[in-house]
N, C-alpha and C. Protein backbone atom coordinates (compact mmCIF):
# COMPACT_ATOMS: atom_id res chain seq x y z
N MET A 1 0.93 -1.45 -0.21
CA MET A 1 -0.66 0.33 0.24
C MET A 1 0.60 1.56 -0.35
N LEU A 2 0.66 2.22 -0.67
CA LEU A 2 0.98 3.05 -0.96
C LEU A 2 1.19 3.83 0.19
N VAL A 3 0.11 4.03 0.24
CA VAL A 3 0.08 5.23 1.94
C VAL A 3 0.88 5.04 2.85
N THR A 4 1.56 3.62 3.31
CA THR A 4 1.77 2.97 4.69
C THR A 4 3.40 3.17 3.90
N GLU A 5 3.28 3.15 2.52
CA GLU A 5 4.80 3.51 2.81
C GLU A 5 5.32 4.53 2.97
N TYR A 6 4.66 4.98 2.34
CA TYR A 6 5.15 5.82 2.21
C TYR A 6 4.76 6.69 3.56
N ALA A 7 4.24 7.23 4.56
CA ALA A 7 4.37 7.41 6.15
C ALA A 7 5.10 6.97 6.92
N LEU A 8 5.59 5.21 6.55
CA LEU A 8 6.74 5.23 7.37
C LEU A 8 8.46 5.77 6.81
N LYS A 9 8.06 5.99 5.96
CA LYS A 9 9.42 6.63 5.30
C LYS A 9 9.82 8.04 5.61
N ARG A 10 8.52 8.85 5.75
CA ARG A 10 8.38 10.31 6.12
C ARG A 10 8.47 10.08 7.72
N ILE A 11 7.67 8.65 8.96
CA ILE A 11 8.19 9.03 10.14
C ILE A 11 9.70 8.20 10.98
N LYS A 12 10.18 7.09 9.24
CA LYS A 12 11.87 7.30 9.70
C LYS A 12 12.36 8.00 9.10
N ASP A 13 12.50 9.12 8.12
CA ASP A 13 13.31 11.17 8.07
C ASP A 13 13.31 11.38 9.51
N GLY A 14 12.21 11.37 9.61
CA GLY A 14 11.68 12.44 10.62
C GLY A 14 12.58 12.00 11.84
N PHE A 15 12.47 10.86 12.19
CA PHE A 15 13.24 10.80 13.43
C PHE A 15 14.41 10.22 13.73
N LYS A 16 15.66 10.20 12.14
CA LYS A 16 16.57 10.77 11.67
C LYS A 16 16.66 11.73 11.47
N GLU A 17 16.04 12.68 11.40
CA GLU A 17 17.01 14.27 11.29
C GLU A 17 16.57 15.09 12.87
N SER A 18 15.37 14.42 13.63
CA SER A 18 15.63 15.16 14.74
C SER A 18 15.78 14.23 15.93
N LYS A 19 17.67 12.94 15.73
CA LYS A 19 17.50 12.31 16.94
C LYS A 19 18.29 13.46 17.73
N ASP A 20 18.61 14.76 17.42
CA ASP A 20 20.38 15.21 17.98
C ASP A 20 19.01 15.43 18.67
N VAL A 21 17.69 16.47 18.59
CA VAL A 21 17.35 17.28 19.31
C VAL A 21 17.10 17.42 20.42
N THR A 22 17.68 18.66 21.63
CA THR A 22 17.41 18.15 22.68
C THR A 22 16.52 19.16 24.20
N ASP A 23 17.05 20.30 22.91
CA ASP A 23 15.96 21.85 23.32
C ASP A 23 14.22 21.26 23.62
N GLU A 24 13.61 21.78 24.54
CA GLU A 24 12.66 21.33 25.34
C GLU A 24 11.23 21.87 23.98
N LYS A 25 11.90 22.90 23.84
CA LYS A 25 10.77 23.69 22.81
C LYS A 25 10.50 22.75 21.65
N LYS A 26 10.98 22.29 21.26
CA LYS A 26 11.39 22.19 19.45
C LYS A 26 11.25 20.11 19.51
N LEU A 27 12.08 20.08 20.81
CA LEU A 27 11.29 18.18 20.87
C LEU A 27 8.97 18.46 21.12
N LEU A 28 9.24 19.78 21.83
CA LEU A 28 7.84 19.80 21.67
C LEU A 28 6.59 20.03 20.58
N ALA A 29 7.76 21.46 19.49
CA ALA A 29 6.77 21.69 18.66
C ALA A 29 7.67 20.22 17.00
N LEU A 30 7.85 19.42 17.22
CA LEU A 30 8.34 18.38 16.59
C LEU A 30 7.58 17.41 16.56
N ARG A 31 6.88 17.16 18.60
CA ARG A 31 5.47 16.14 18.51
C ARG A 31 4.73 16.59 18.33
N ASN A 32 4.07 17.90 18.66
CA ASN A 32 2.98 18.90 17.95
C ASN A 32 2.51 18.30 16.31
N SER A 33 4.28 18.47 15.59
CA SER A 33 3.74 17.84 14.65
C SER A 33 3.51 17.10 14.07
N ALA A 34 4.02 14.87 14.85
CA ALA A 34 4.02 14.32 14.07
C ALA A 34 2.30 14.56 14.87
N LEU A 35 1.98 14.87 15.30
CA LEU A 35 0.56 14.33 16.30
C LEU A 35 -0.43 14.49 15.25
N GLU A 36 -0.30 15.29 14.41
CA GLU A 36 -0.53 16.51 13.24
C GLU A 36 -0.23 15.24 12.09
N ASN A 37 0.83 15.27 11.63
CA ASN A 37 0.39 13.98 10.99
C ASN A 37 0.23 12.97 10.60
N LEU A 38 -0.33 12.58 11.76
CA LEU A 38 -0.98 11.47 12.51
C LEU A 38 -2.19 10.87 11.74
N GLN A 39 -2.75 12.22 12.66
CA GLN A 39 -4.13 12.88 11.28
C GLN A 39 -4.96 13.20 10.33
N VAL A 40 -3.16 13.72 9.70
CA VAL A 40 -3.20 13.00 8.34
C VAL A 40 -3.34 11.86 7.64
N ILE A 41 -2.70 11.07 8.01
CA ILE A 41 -2.00 9.80 7.81
C ILE A 41 -3.39 9.12 7.86
N LYS A 42 -4.48 9.03 9.21
CA LYS A 42 -5.10 7.68 9.42
C LYS A 42 -5.94 8.75 8.39
N ARG A 43 -7.18 9.63 8.17
CA ARG A 43 -7.39 10.67 7.13
C ARG A 43 -7.65 10.23 5.40
N GLN A 44 -6.08 10.22 6.16
CA GLN A 44 -6.25 9.34 4.04
C GLN A 44 -5.75 8.10 4.52
N VAL A 45 -5.59 6.83 5.49
CA VAL A 45 -6.34 5.67 5.14
C VAL A 45 -7.96 5.39 5.49
N VAL A 46 -8.53 6.19 5.70
CA VAL A 46 -10.00 5.92 5.41
C VAL A 46 -10.36 6.59 4.09
N ILE A 47 -9.91 7.92 3.73
CA ILE A 47 -10.76 8.03 2.30
C ILE A 47 -9.38 6.56 1.37
N GLY A 48 -8.51 7.10 1.26
CA GLY A 48 -7.88 5.22 1.08
C GLY A 48 -9.27 3.72 0.54
N GLU A 49 -9.11 3.51 2.45
CA GLU A 49 -10.53 2.42 2.30
C GLU A 49 -11.70 2.59 1.43
N MET A 50 -12.19 4.28 1.67
CA MET A 50 -13.89 4.48 1.26
C MET A 50 -13.55 4.45 -0.02
N TYR A 51 -12.46 4.44 -0.64
CA TYR A 51 -12.23 4.49 -2.77
C TYR A 51 -11.39 2.90 -3.09
N SER A 52 -10.97 2.21 -2.35
CA SER A 52 -10.26 1.20 -3.40
C SER A 52 -10.79 0.57 -4.44
N ALA A 53 -9.59 0.25 -5.11
CA ALA A 53 -10.43 -0.72 -6.22
C ALA A 53 -9.73 -2.30 -5.69
N ALA A 54 -10.73 -2.61 -6.89
CA ALA A 54 -10.19 -3.58 -7.29
C ALA A 54 -9.38 -4.13 -8.28
N PRO A 55 -8.20 -5.25 -7.37
CA PRO A 55 -7.36 -5.04 -8.34
C PRO A 55 -6.54 -5.26 -9.79
N LEU A 56 -5.63 -4.80 -10.27
CA LEU A 56 -5.67 -4.88 -11.75
C LEU A 56 -5.81 -5.76 -12.44
N VAL A 57 -5.91 -6.59 -13.65
CA VAL A 57 -5.12 -7.72 -13.98
C VAL A 57 -4.27 -7.70 -13.94
N ILE A 58 -3.18 -6.96 -14.69
CA ILE A 58 -1.67 -6.93 -14.41
C ILE A 58 -1.43 -6.82 -13.87
N GLU A 59 -2.11 -6.87 -12.30
CA GLU A 59 -1.19 -6.64 -11.32
C GLU A 59 -0.90 -8.17 -10.25
N LYS A 60 0.67 -8.75 -9.61
CA LYS A 60 0.25 -9.92 -9.63
C LYS A 60 -0.70 -10.38 -8.71
N LYS A 61 -1.31 -11.89 -8.56
CA LYS A 61 -1.95 -11.81 -7.67
C LYS A 61 -1.58 -13.52 -6.45
N GLU A 62 -1.11 -13.75 -5.58
CA GLU A 62 -0.79 -13.93 -3.91
C GLU A 62 -1.24 -15.02 -4.60
N THR A 63 -0.98 -17.19 -5.01
CA THR A 63 -1.32 -17.95 -4.98
C THR A 63 -0.57 -18.65 -3.32
N ASN A 64 -1.67 -19.72 -3.74
CA ASN A 64 -1.41 -20.72 -2.24
C ASN A 64 0.01 -21.35 -2.61
N GLU A 65 0.60 -21.56 -3.77
CA GLU A 65 2.12 -21.83 -4.38
C GLU A 65 3.07 -20.33 -4.52
N ASN A 66 2.78 -19.78 -3.90
CA ASN A 66 3.53 -18.42 -4.00
C ASN A 66 4.17 -18.61 -2.67
N LYS A 67 3.03 -18.33 -2.01
CA LYS A 67 3.08 -18.40 0.02
C LYS A 67 4.13 -19.12 0.64
N SER A 68 4.03 -20.22 -0.35
CA SER A 68 5.56 -21.14 0.75
C SER A 68 6.63 -20.05 0.78
């Protein structure tokens, strides 16, 4: 799913960029920004579920043989 992959990448990048931040005001701002981003991600997931489409014929289907 593209939304989850994008969200995970953004989260990982955000943690890497701000790993050395020690100022409490900056940490609070980063936390608030992360909470806002979480709300955006949740809304995108809901929208994606509402308008999900059936897989295309050319998309690879997973069969019982491929699962092992």
